[in-house]
N, C-alpha and C. Protein backbone atom coordinates (compact mmCIF):
# COMPACT_ATOMS: atom_id res chain seq x y z
N MET A 1 4.58 -14.56 -59.49
CA MET A 1 5.15 -15.82 -59.94
C MET A 1 4.28 -17.00 -59.48
N MET A 2 3.62 -16.84 -58.35
CA MET A 2 2.77 -17.93 -57.87
C MET A 2 1.60 -18.17 -58.82
N ASN A 3 1.17 -17.13 -59.53
CA ASN A 3 0.08 -17.32 -60.51
C ASN A 3 0.49 -18.30 -61.58
N TYR A 4 1.74 -18.20 -62.04
CA TYR A 4 2.23 -19.12 -63.06
C TYR A 4 2.28 -20.55 -62.54
N ILE A 5 2.66 -20.68 -61.29
CA ILE A 5 2.71 -22.02 -60.69
C ILE A 5 1.31 -22.62 -60.62
N PHE A 6 0.31 -21.81 -60.26
CA PHE A 6 -1.07 -22.32 -60.20
C PHE A 6 -1.59 -22.68 -61.59
N ILE A 7 -1.25 -21.89 -62.59
CA ILE A 7 -1.69 -22.19 -63.96
C ILE A 7 -1.07 -23.50 -64.44
N LEU A 8 0.23 -23.67 -64.20
CA LEU A 8 0.90 -24.89 -64.62
C LEU A 8 0.37 -26.11 -63.87
N THR A 9 0.02 -25.92 -62.60
CA THR A 9 -0.56 -27.03 -61.84
C THR A 9 -1.93 -27.42 -62.40
N GLY A 10 -2.72 -26.44 -62.80
CA GLY A 10 -4.01 -26.74 -63.43
C GLY A 10 -3.84 -27.50 -64.73
N LEU A 11 -2.85 -27.11 -65.52
CA LEU A 11 -2.57 -27.84 -66.76
C LEU A 11 -2.11 -29.27 -66.46
N PHE A 12 -1.37 -29.43 -65.38
CA PHE A 12 -0.91 -30.75 -64.98
C PHE A 12 -2.10 -31.68 -64.72
N PHE A 13 -3.12 -31.16 -64.02
CA PHE A 13 -4.29 -31.98 -63.73
C PHE A 13 -5.13 -32.24 -64.98
N LEU A 14 -5.14 -31.33 -65.92
CA LEU A 14 -5.81 -31.60 -67.19
C LEU A 14 -5.10 -32.70 -67.97
N LEU A 15 -3.78 -32.74 -67.86
CA LEU A 15 -3.04 -33.80 -68.54
C LEU A 15 -3.29 -35.16 -67.90
N ILE A 16 -3.60 -35.19 -66.61
CA ILE A 16 -3.96 -36.46 -65.97
C ILE A 16 -5.21 -37.04 -66.64
N LEU A 17 -6.14 -36.17 -66.99
CA LEU A 17 -7.33 -36.64 -67.72
C LEU A 17 -6.95 -37.22 -69.08
N ARG A 18 -5.97 -36.61 -69.75
CA ARG A 18 -5.53 -37.12 -71.05
C ARG A 18 -4.86 -38.48 -70.89
N VAL A 19 -4.15 -38.67 -69.79
CA VAL A 19 -3.52 -39.97 -69.55
C VAL A 19 -4.58 -41.04 -69.34
N ILE A 20 -5.62 -40.70 -68.61
CA ILE A 20 -6.68 -41.67 -68.33
C ILE A 20 -7.51 -41.97 -69.58
N LYS A 21 -7.84 -40.94 -70.36
CA LYS A 21 -8.74 -41.11 -71.49
C LYS A 21 -8.02 -41.20 -72.83
N GLY A 22 -6.69 -41.28 -72.83
CA GLY A 22 -5.93 -41.30 -74.08
C GLY A 22 -6.38 -42.41 -75.00
N PRO A 23 -6.71 -42.09 -76.26
CA PRO A 23 -7.22 -43.12 -77.15
C PRO A 23 -6.16 -44.13 -77.58
N SER A 24 -4.89 -43.75 -77.54
CA SER A 24 -3.85 -44.69 -77.95
C SER A 24 -2.69 -44.60 -76.98
N VAL A 25 -1.78 -45.55 -77.11
CA VAL A 25 -0.61 -45.58 -76.24
C VAL A 25 0.27 -44.36 -76.49
N SER A 26 0.38 -43.95 -77.73
CA SER A 26 1.21 -42.79 -78.06
C SER A 26 0.66 -41.51 -77.44
N ASP A 27 -0.65 -41.33 -77.47
CA ASP A 27 -1.25 -40.14 -76.85
C ASP A 27 -1.02 -40.13 -75.34
N THR A 28 -1.18 -41.28 -74.74
CA THR A 28 -0.96 -41.39 -73.30
C THR A 28 0.49 -41.08 -72.95
N MET A 29 1.41 -41.62 -73.74
CA MET A 29 2.83 -41.40 -73.46
C MET A 29 3.21 -39.95 -73.69
N LEU A 30 2.66 -39.32 -74.69
CA LEU A 30 2.92 -37.91 -74.92
C LEU A 30 2.44 -37.07 -73.74
N ALA A 31 1.27 -37.40 -73.20
CA ALA A 31 0.76 -36.68 -72.04
C ALA A 31 1.68 -36.88 -70.83
N VAL A 32 2.21 -38.08 -70.66
CA VAL A 32 3.12 -38.34 -69.54
C VAL A 32 4.41 -37.54 -69.70
N GLU A 33 4.91 -37.44 -70.93
CA GLU A 33 6.12 -36.66 -71.18
C GLU A 33 5.89 -35.17 -70.89
N VAL A 34 4.75 -34.66 -71.32
CA VAL A 34 4.44 -33.25 -71.06
C VAL A 34 4.24 -33.03 -69.56
N MET A 35 3.67 -34.01 -68.86
CA MET A 35 3.54 -33.89 -67.41
C MET A 35 4.91 -33.81 -66.74
N GLY A 36 5.86 -34.57 -67.24
CA GLY A 36 7.21 -34.49 -66.71
C GLY A 36 7.82 -33.12 -66.93
N ASN A 37 7.60 -32.57 -68.12
CA ASN A 37 8.11 -31.23 -68.41
C ASN A 37 7.44 -30.16 -67.54
N LEU A 38 6.14 -30.32 -67.31
CA LEU A 38 5.44 -29.38 -66.44
C LEU A 38 5.93 -29.49 -65.00
N ALA A 39 6.21 -30.71 -64.55
CA ALA A 39 6.75 -30.88 -63.20
C ALA A 39 8.10 -30.18 -63.07
N ILE A 40 8.89 -30.25 -64.12
CA ILE A 40 10.18 -29.57 -64.13
C ILE A 40 9.97 -28.06 -64.02
N CYS A 41 9.04 -27.54 -64.80
CA CYS A 41 8.77 -26.09 -64.76
C CYS A 41 8.23 -25.65 -63.41
N ILE A 42 7.31 -26.42 -62.86
CA ILE A 42 6.71 -26.07 -61.57
C ILE A 42 7.77 -26.07 -60.47
N LEU A 43 8.58 -27.11 -60.40
CA LEU A 43 9.61 -27.17 -59.38
C LEU A 43 10.66 -26.09 -59.57
N GLY A 44 11.03 -25.82 -60.82
CA GLY A 44 12.00 -24.76 -61.08
C GLY A 44 11.49 -23.39 -60.67
N LEU A 45 10.24 -23.08 -61.00
CA LEU A 45 9.66 -21.81 -60.59
C LEU A 45 9.53 -21.71 -59.08
N PHE A 46 9.14 -22.80 -58.44
CA PHE A 46 9.01 -22.80 -56.99
C PHE A 46 10.37 -22.59 -56.32
N ALA A 47 11.41 -23.24 -56.88
CA ALA A 47 12.75 -23.08 -56.32
C ALA A 47 13.23 -21.63 -56.46
N LEU A 48 12.93 -21.00 -57.59
CA LEU A 48 13.31 -19.60 -57.77
C LEU A 48 12.51 -18.68 -56.84
N TYR A 49 11.23 -18.98 -56.69
CA TYR A 49 10.36 -18.14 -55.86
C TYR A 49 10.76 -18.19 -54.40
N LYS A 50 11.04 -19.37 -53.89
CA LYS A 50 11.37 -19.53 -52.47
C LYS A 50 12.86 -19.40 -52.18
N GLY A 51 13.69 -19.47 -53.22
CA GLY A 51 15.13 -19.38 -53.01
C GLY A 51 15.75 -20.68 -52.53
N TYR A 52 15.13 -21.81 -52.87
CA TYR A 52 15.64 -23.12 -52.48
C TYR A 52 16.53 -23.66 -53.60
N GLY A 53 17.82 -23.56 -53.42
CA GLY A 53 18.74 -24.02 -54.44
C GLY A 53 18.80 -25.53 -54.58
N PHE A 54 18.52 -26.25 -53.48
CA PHE A 54 18.62 -27.70 -53.53
C PHE A 54 17.54 -28.32 -54.41
N LEU A 55 16.46 -27.60 -54.65
CA LEU A 55 15.40 -28.14 -55.52
C LEU A 55 15.84 -28.21 -56.98
N MET A 56 16.85 -27.44 -57.33
CA MET A 56 17.35 -27.50 -58.70
C MET A 56 18.02 -28.86 -58.96
N ASP A 57 18.58 -29.48 -57.92
CA ASP A 57 19.10 -30.84 -58.07
C ASP A 57 17.97 -31.83 -58.35
N VAL A 58 16.85 -31.64 -57.68
CA VAL A 58 15.68 -32.49 -57.92
C VAL A 58 15.18 -32.30 -59.35
N VAL A 59 15.18 -31.07 -59.82
CA VAL A 59 14.76 -30.78 -61.19
C VAL A 59 15.66 -31.50 -62.17
N LEU A 60 16.96 -31.51 -61.91
CA LEU A 60 17.90 -32.19 -62.80
C LEU A 60 17.64 -33.70 -62.84
N VAL A 61 17.33 -34.29 -61.71
CA VAL A 61 17.01 -35.72 -61.66
C VAL A 61 15.74 -36.01 -62.45
N ILE A 62 14.74 -35.15 -62.34
CA ILE A 62 13.49 -35.35 -63.08
C ILE A 62 13.74 -35.22 -64.58
N VAL A 63 14.61 -34.29 -64.98
CA VAL A 63 14.94 -34.15 -66.40
C VAL A 63 15.57 -35.43 -66.92
N LEU A 64 16.50 -35.99 -66.17
CA LEU A 64 17.16 -37.22 -66.61
C LEU A 64 16.17 -38.39 -66.66
N ALA A 65 15.30 -38.48 -65.67
CA ALA A 65 14.30 -39.55 -65.67
C ALA A 65 13.33 -39.40 -66.83
N ASN A 66 12.94 -38.18 -67.13
CA ASN A 66 12.04 -37.93 -68.26
C ASN A 66 12.70 -38.34 -69.57
N PHE A 67 13.99 -38.06 -69.72
CA PHE A 67 14.71 -38.46 -70.93
C PHE A 67 14.75 -39.99 -71.06
N LEU A 68 15.00 -40.68 -69.95
CA LEU A 68 15.05 -42.14 -70.00
C LEU A 68 13.69 -42.74 -70.34
N VAL A 69 12.62 -42.11 -69.87
CA VAL A 69 11.28 -42.59 -70.20
C VAL A 69 11.02 -42.44 -71.70
N VAL A 70 11.43 -41.34 -72.28
CA VAL A 70 11.24 -41.12 -73.71
C VAL A 70 12.02 -42.16 -74.52
N VAL A 71 13.26 -42.40 -74.14
CA VAL A 71 14.08 -43.39 -74.85
C VAL A 71 13.49 -44.79 -74.69
N GLY A 72 13.06 -45.13 -73.48
CA GLY A 72 12.47 -46.44 -73.25
C GLY A 72 11.18 -46.64 -74.01
N PHE A 73 10.37 -45.60 -74.10
CA PHE A 73 9.12 -45.72 -74.85
C PHE A 73 9.38 -45.88 -76.34
N GLY A 74 10.38 -45.16 -76.84
CA GLY A 74 10.75 -45.33 -78.25
C GLY A 74 11.21 -46.75 -78.54
N LYS A 75 11.98 -47.33 -77.63
CA LYS A 75 12.43 -48.71 -77.79
C LYS A 75 11.25 -49.67 -77.73
N TYR A 76 10.30 -49.40 -76.84
CA TYR A 76 9.11 -50.24 -76.74
C TYR A 76 8.31 -50.23 -78.05
N LEU A 77 8.12 -49.03 -78.60
CA LEU A 77 7.38 -48.96 -79.86
C LEU A 77 8.13 -49.65 -80.99
N GLU A 78 9.44 -49.54 -80.97
CA GLU A 78 10.25 -50.20 -82.00
C GLU A 78 10.11 -51.72 -81.90
N LEU A 79 10.14 -52.25 -80.69
CA LEU A 79 9.98 -53.70 -80.50
C LEU A 79 8.55 -54.14 -80.83
N LYS A 80 7.59 -53.32 -80.50
CA LYS A 80 6.20 -53.66 -80.73
C LYS A 80 5.90 -53.75 -82.23
N ASN A 81 6.50 -52.89 -83.01
CA ASN A 81 6.28 -52.88 -84.45
C ASN A 81 7.17 -53.84 -85.21
N GLY A 82 8.02 -54.56 -84.52
CA GLY A 82 8.87 -55.55 -85.15
C GLY A 82 10.01 -54.97 -85.94
N LYS A 83 10.49 -53.83 -85.57
CA LYS A 83 11.59 -53.20 -86.31
C LYS A 83 12.91 -53.34 -85.57
N ASP A 84 13.05 -54.40 -84.80
CA ASP A 84 14.27 -54.58 -84.03
C ASP A 84 15.24 -55.53 -84.75
N GLN A 85 15.18 -55.57 -86.05
CA GLN A 85 16.07 -56.43 -86.80
C GLN A 85 17.38 -55.69 -87.02
N LYS A 86 18.46 -56.34 -86.65
CA LYS A 86 19.78 -55.71 -86.78
C LYS A 86 20.25 -55.81 -88.22
N LYS A 87 20.68 -54.69 -88.74
CA LYS A 87 21.22 -54.64 -90.10
C LYS A 87 22.73 -54.72 -90.02
N VAL A 88 23.28 -55.64 -90.78
CA VAL A 88 24.73 -55.82 -90.76
C VAL A 88 25.34 -55.32 -92.05
């Protein structure tokens, strides 16, 4: 199981390069979202491997934070493109 954790950690560092070199804001944000998902997977696997049940609470908090980031970024793009006009 530790092999999977090392592979996911390597992918995490490759995504850091995508965040730094991302050609657009959308690419950068997608890389950040995938990094959040990888962090969830890494912590979940580590919690299962070591038998630390309390880390699953941390995983749940990261999942909620990742969801809020996605919603906030969608709102940012909506405001940036001028599509925030309310339809009555």
